Amino acid sequence: MKKVLVALVLILTLGLFGCGSQKATEKVLKVGATPVPHAEILRQVQPILEKEGIKLEIIEFTDYVKPNIALAEKELDANYFQHVPYLEQFNKDRGLNLTWTVKVHFEPMGLYSKKVKSINEFKPGAKIGIPNDPTNGGRALALLEKAGLITLKPGLGIKATVKDITSKKVDVVELEAAQLPRSLDDLDGAVINGNYAQEAKLSPKDALIAEDANSEAAETFGNVLAVRKGDENREEIKKLSEALKSEEIKKFINEKYNGAVVPLN
């Protein structure tokens, strides 16, 4: 009987130490993301990383500023919500040292309206909302120029600001990107980022005009996994980057978003 009790104690002790050891070796990655589609995509990555002994914690943000600040202040290990031009401009404006590892997907920006059904129906002086941050604002202005609603100084492209409008059929109103879908009732139209359009149940198919997923814009504005410079070679970051580019995640994106989000090779 004593031998049996000793054996049981040993088994329990080893089991407890084993569980503790396994938990101690588990690595945790804290990644910031906007809810749609970034956090949704990351949730598909969680079981992939779990097999690698990495616990992926997803922290959701509803704006484009806090995720980069939190990353720079080491509250996060990475974030996933932005494209390279925005990241570069944010680094420049805030004096940060953030970089990126992989381009994961592209979200076509579109011009949406609840008041007209075609671009030609916009009356002179119609109010069109655009994002008030520099890179997305310039991107929106380029789309409005493509639609024939404004003319910009030549050669500026996405670097244009509202001060570079040389002629216009509509009035451009700058608002925080996240507010644009909620402002559609008050505006005649708005150029909305893909993730905020999806949260508002809008699709590029509903847009009066949208960026072409096969255009240069797709490569320029591909959404990336951002990290602090110097962390690119961390093993956990490498694993996360690989998972985001996996065929499994590409398949999920194609099936889930039906063209509103496009995986990049």
Protein backbone atom coordinates (compact mmCIF):
# COMPACT_ATOMS: atom_id res chain seq x y z
CA MET A 1 0.00 0.00 0.00
CA LYS A 2 2.81 2.40 0.90
CA LYS A 3 4.46 1.68 -2.44
CA VAL A 4 1.22 2.53 -4.27
CA LEU A 5 0.87 5.81 -2.35
CA VAL A 6 4.48 6.77 -3.06
CA ALA A 7 3.96 6.01 -6.73
CA LEU A 8 0.84 8.18 -6.85
CA VAL A 9 2.63 11.06 -5.14
CA LEU A 10 5.46 10.83 -7.65
CA ILE A 11 3.07 10.79 -10.60
CA LEU A 12 1.16 13.81 -9.29
CA THR A 13 4.37 15.68 -8.51
CA LEU A 14 5.82 15.03 -11.97
CA GLY A 15 2.53 15.97 -13.55
CA LEU A 16 2.41 19.27 -11.70
CA PHE A 17 6.02 20.10 -12.56
CA GLY A 18 5.41 19.08 -16.14
CA CYS A 19 2.40 21.42 -16.48
CA GLY A 20 4.32 24.24 -14.87
CA SER A 21 7.27 23.68 -17.18
CA GLN A 22 5.05 23.65 -20.27
CA LYS A 23 3.35 26.89 -19.22
CA ALA A 24 6.69 28.51 -18.46
CA THR A 25 8.01 27.75 -21.95
CA GLU A 26 4.89 29.08 -23.70
CA LYS A 27 5.67 32.34 -25.51
CA VAL A 28 3.12 35.14 -25.64
CA LEU A 29 2.71 37.62 -28.48
CA LYS A 30 0.55 40.71 -27.93
CA VAL A 31 -0.66 42.08 -31.26
CA GLY A 32 -2.83 45.16 -31.73
CA ALA A 33 -5.39 45.24 -34.54
CA THR A 34 -8.52 46.99 -35.75
CA PRO A 35 -11.56 44.70 -35.45
CA VAL A 36 -12.35 44.07 -39.13
CA PRO A 37 -10.68 42.41 -40.92
CA HIS A 38 -7.39 42.40 -38.99
CA ALA A 39 -8.52 40.95 -35.66
CA GLU A 40 -10.70 38.45 -37.51
CA ILE A 41 -7.71 37.28 -39.55
CA LEU A 42 -5.52 37.08 -36.44
CA ARG A 43 -8.08 34.85 -34.75
CA GLN A 44 -7.55 32.38 -37.60
CA VAL A 45 -3.81 32.55 -36.92
CA GLN A 46 -4.16 31.72 -33.21
CA PRO A 47 -4.45 27.91 -33.62
CA ILE A 48 -1.55 27.90 -36.12
CA LEU A 49 0.75 29.60 -33.60
CA GLU A 50 -0.56 27.51 -30.73
CA LYS A 51 0.96 24.47 -32.44
CA GLU A 52 4.29 26.33 -32.33
CA GLY A 53 3.99 26.97 -28.58
CA ILE A 54 3.03 30.62 -29.06
CA LYS A 55 -0.02 32.20 -27.45
CA LEU A 56 -1.36 35.03 -29.59
CA GLU A 57 -3.16 37.75 -27.61
CA ILE A 58 -5.19 40.11 -29.79
CA ILE A 59 -5.80 43.65 -28.50
CA GLU A 60 -8.40 45.54 -30.53
CA PHE A 61 -8.23 49.26 -31.34
CA THR A 62 -10.78 51.44 -33.11
CA ASP A 63 -8.45 54.18 -34.34
CA TYR A 64 -5.22 54.51 -36.37
CA VAL A 65 -3.09 56.27 -33.73
CA LYS A 66 -3.08 54.24 -30.51
CA PRO A 67 -1.82 50.94 -32.01
CA ASN A 68 1.47 52.52 -33.13
CA ILE A 69 1.95 54.41 -29.87
CA ALA A 70 1.33 51.22 -27.89
CA LEU A 71 3.82 49.35 -30.08
CA ALA A 72 6.49 52.02 -29.65
CA GLU A 73 5.95 52.02 -25.87
CA LYS A 74 6.36 48.20 -25.78
CA GLU A 75 2.79 47.55 -24.71
CA LEU A 76 2.50 45.42 -27.86
CA ASP A 77 4.88 43.10 -29.70
CA ALA A 78 3.40 43.97 -33.09
CA ASN A 79 0.36 45.51 -34.71
CA TYR A 80 -1.62 44.77 -37.83
CA PHE A 81 -3.90 47.51 -39.22
CA GLN A 82 -1.97 49.83 -41.56
CA HIS A 83 -0.19 50.16 -44.88
CA VAL A 84 3.42 51.22 -45.44
CA PRO A 85 2.85 54.87 -46.48
CA TYR A 86 0.84 55.46 -43.30
CA LEU A 87 3.49 53.76 -41.16
CA GLU A 88 6.29 55.80 -42.73
CA GLN A 89 4.40 59.06 -42.28
CA PHE A 90 3.56 58.16 -38.67
CA ASN A 91 7.24 57.43 -37.96
CA LYS A 92 8.18 60.78 -39.45
CA ASP A 93 5.52 62.77 -37.62
CA ARG A 94 6.05 61.11 -34.22
CA GLY A 95 9.77 60.39 -34.37
CA LEU A 96 9.21 56.64 -33.97
CA ASN A 97 11.32 53.72 -35.15
CA LEU A 98 8.79 51.18 -36.36
CA THR A 99 9.14 48.88 -39.34
CA TRP A 100 7.26 45.95 -40.91
CA THR A 101 7.84 42.32 -41.85
CA VAL A 102 5.22 41.16 -44.39
CA LYS A 103 2.47 42.63 -46.55
CA VAL A 104 -0.60 40.53 -45.88
CA HIS A 105 -3.60 41.97 -47.72
CA PHE A 106 -5.09 44.93 -49.57
CA GLU A 107 -8.40 46.65 -48.85
CA PRO A 108 -9.76 48.65 -51.79
CA MET A 109 -10.84 52.14 -50.73
CA GLY A 110 -14.20 53.19 -52.17
CA LEU A 111 -16.50 56.17 -52.64
CA TYR A 112 -19.85 55.43 -51.01
CA SER A 113 -23.13 57.35 -50.89
CA LYS A 114 -26.62 56.92 -49.48
CA LYS A 115 -27.97 59.81 -51.55
CA VAL A 116 -26.86 59.14 -55.13
CA LYS A 117 -26.47 56.00 -57.21
CA SER A 118 -23.85 57.24 -59.66
CA ILE A 119 -20.97 59.71 -59.71
CA ASN A 120 -22.78 61.88 -62.27
CA GLU A 121 -25.60 62.53 -59.79
CA PHE A 122 -23.38 64.55 -57.43
CA LYS A 123 -24.50 68.19 -57.67
CA PRO A 124 -22.01 71.09 -57.58
CA GLY A 125 -21.09 71.77 -53.97
CA ALA A 126 -21.95 68.26 -52.79
CA LYS A 127 -20.06 67.41 -49.60
CA ILE A 128 -17.70 64.41 -49.84
CA GLY A 129 -15.88 63.15 -46.73
CA ILE A 130 -12.33 61.85 -46.82
CA PRO A 131 -9.92 60.60 -44.08
CA ASN A 132 -8.04 63.43 -42.36
CA ASP A 133 -4.72 61.56 -42.02
CA PRO A 134 -2.16 62.47 -44.72
CA THR A 135 -1.66 59.16 -46.55
CA ASN A 136 -5.27 58.00 -46.60
CA GLY A 137 -6.40 61.54 -47.36
CA GLY A 138 -4.10 61.70 -50.37
CA ARG A 139 -5.27 58.29 -51.48
CA ALA A 140 -8.90 59.44 -51.25
CA LEU A 141 -8.17 62.62 -53.21
CA ALA A 142 -6.55 60.54 -55.96
CA LEU A 143 -9.72 58.43 -56.15
CA LEU A 144 -11.92 61.55 -56.35
CA GLU A 145 -9.74 62.86 -59.17
CA LYS A 146 -10.10 59.52 -60.97
CA ALA A 147 -13.87 59.91 -60.59
CA GLY A 148 -13.67 63.34 -62.24
CA LEU A 149 -14.96 65.18 -59.17
CA ILE A 150 -11.81 67.21 -58.49
CA THR A 151 -8.53 68.11 -60.20
CA LEU A 152 -5.20 68.05 -58.37
CA LYS A 153 -1.84 69.65 -59.06
CA PRO A 154 -0.06 67.28 -61.47
CA GLY A 155 2.46 64.72 -60.26
CA LEU A 156 1.45 64.60 -56.59
CA GLY A 157 -0.67 61.46 -56.57
CA ILE A 158 -1.26 60.17 -53.04
CA LYS A 159 0.92 62.96 -51.63
CA ALA A 160 -1.75 65.53 -52.46
CA THR A 161 -3.62 67.44 -49.78
CA VAL A 162 -6.82 69.47 -50.01
CA LYS A 163 -4.62 72.52 -50.62
CA ASP A 164 -3.55 70.90 -53.91
CA ILE A 165 -7.08 70.86 -55.36
CA THR A 166 -7.04 73.13 -58.42
CA SER A 167 -10.67 72.69 -59.49
CA LYS A 168 -13.65 70.89 -58.02
CA LYS A 169 -17.23 69.91 -58.58
CA VAL A 170 -17.67 68.87 -54.93
CA ASP A 171 -16.56 70.17 -51.55
CA VAL A 172 -14.14 67.94 -49.65
CA VAL A 173 -14.67 67.51 -45.90
CA GLU A 174 -11.86 65.99 -43.80
CA LEU A 175 -12.93 63.71 -40.95
CA GLU A 176 -11.32 61.01 -38.84
CA ALA A 177 -11.37 57.80 -40.89
CA ALA A 178 -13.42 55.87 -38.33
CA GLN A 179 -16.18 58.53 -38.38
CA LEU A 180 -16.78 58.43 -42.13
CA PRO A 181 -19.25 55.50 -42.27
CA ARG A 182 -21.31 57.08 -39.46
CA SER A 183 -21.28 60.41 -41.33
CA LEU A 184 -22.79 59.07 -44.57
CA ASP A 185 -26.26 60.24 -43.50
CA ASP A 186 -25.01 63.82 -43.19
CA LEU A 187 -22.72 63.85 -46.23
CA ASP A 188 -23.47 63.36 -49.92
CA GLY A 189 -20.72 60.76 -50.07
CA ALA A 190 -17.51 59.59 -48.42
CA VAL A 191 -14.30 57.85 -49.40
CA ILE A 192 -13.97 55.09 -46.82
CA ASN A 193 -11.10 52.78 -45.90
CA GLY A 194 -11.79 49.10 -46.50
CA ASN A 195 -11.81 47.99 -42.86
CA TYR A 196 -14.23 50.70 -41.75
CA ALA A 197 -16.43 50.04 -44.78
CA GLN A 198 -16.64 46.37 -43.80
CA GLU A 199 -17.57 47.22 -40.22
CA ALA A 200 -20.43 49.31 -41.67
CA LYS A 201 -21.48 46.34 -43.87
CA LEU A 202 -20.30 48.10 -47.04
CA SER A 203 -18.47 46.32 -49.85
CA PRO A 204 -16.41 47.64 -52.78
CA LYS A 205 -19.24 46.26 -54.91
CA ASP A 206 -21.49 48.91 -53.31
CA ALA A 207 -19.04 51.73 -54.08
CA LEU A 208 -19.60 54.28 -56.84
CA ILE A 209 -15.90 53.88 -57.63
CA ALA A 210 -13.23 51.83 -55.87
CA GLU A 211 -9.53 51.11 -56.16
CA ASP A 212 -8.62 48.23 -58.45
CA ALA A 213 -7.35 45.21 -56.51
CA ASN A 214 -4.98 44.43 -59.40
CA SER A 215 -3.54 47.93 -59.63
CA GLU A 216 -0.36 49.49 -58.29
CA ALA A 217 -2.44 50.70 -55.34
CA ALA A 218 -2.74 47.12 -54.12
CA GLU A 219 1.02 46.82 -53.67
CA THR A 220 1.47 50.35 -52.35
CA PHE A 221 -1.30 50.09 -49.77
CA GLY A 222 -0.91 46.47 -48.72
CA ASN A 223 -1.58 46.10 -44.98
CA VAL A 224 1.48 45.00 -43.03
CA LEU A 225 2.56 43.44 -39.76
CA ALA A 226 4.38 46.26 -37.97
CA VAL A 227 7.06 45.76 -35.29
CA ARG A 228 9.71 47.78 -33.51
CA LYS A 229 12.90 48.02 -35.54
CA GLY A 230 15.22 45.28 -34.34
CA ASP A 231 12.41 42.80 -33.59
CA GLU A 232 12.07 41.54 -37.16
CA ASN A 233 14.20 38.47 -36.42
CA ARG A 234 12.51 37.45 -33.18
CA GLU A 235 11.47 33.83 -33.63
CA GLU A 236 7.86 34.49 -32.55
CA ILE A 237 7.56 37.40 -34.99
CA LYS A 238 8.90 35.23 -37.81
CA LYS A 239 6.35 32.53 -36.99
CA LEU A 240 3.54 35.08 -36.96
CA SER A 241 4.69 36.52 -40.30
CA GLU A 242 4.80 33.06 -41.86
CA ALA A 243 1.34 32.21 -40.55
CA LEU A 244 -0.18 35.41 -41.94
CA LYS A 245 1.21 34.54 -45.40
CA SER A 246 0.14 30.88 -45.26
CA GLU A 247 -2.18 29.31 -47.81
CA GLU A 248 -4.63 28.62 -44.99
CA ILE A 249 -4.99 32.33 -44.23
CA LYS A 250 -5.16 33.29 -47.92
CA LYS A 251 -8.02 30.85 -48.37
CA PHE A 252 -9.83 32.26 -45.34
CA ILE A 253 -9.50 35.84 -46.65
CA ASN A 254 -10.82 34.94 -50.10
CA GLU A 255 -13.77 32.97 -48.76
CA LYS A 256 -14.67 35.36 -45.94
CA TYR A 257 -14.45 38.77 -47.61
CA ASN A 258 -15.39 38.14 -51.25
CA GLY A 259 -13.13 40.83 -52.75
CA ALA A 260 -13.43 43.40 -49.96
CA VAL A 261 -10.06 42.11 -48.70
CA VAL A 262 -7.49 40.70 -51.13
CA PRO A 263 -4.56 38.53 -49.97
CA LEU A 264 -1.18 39.55 -51.35
CA ASN A 265 1.46 37.11 -52.61
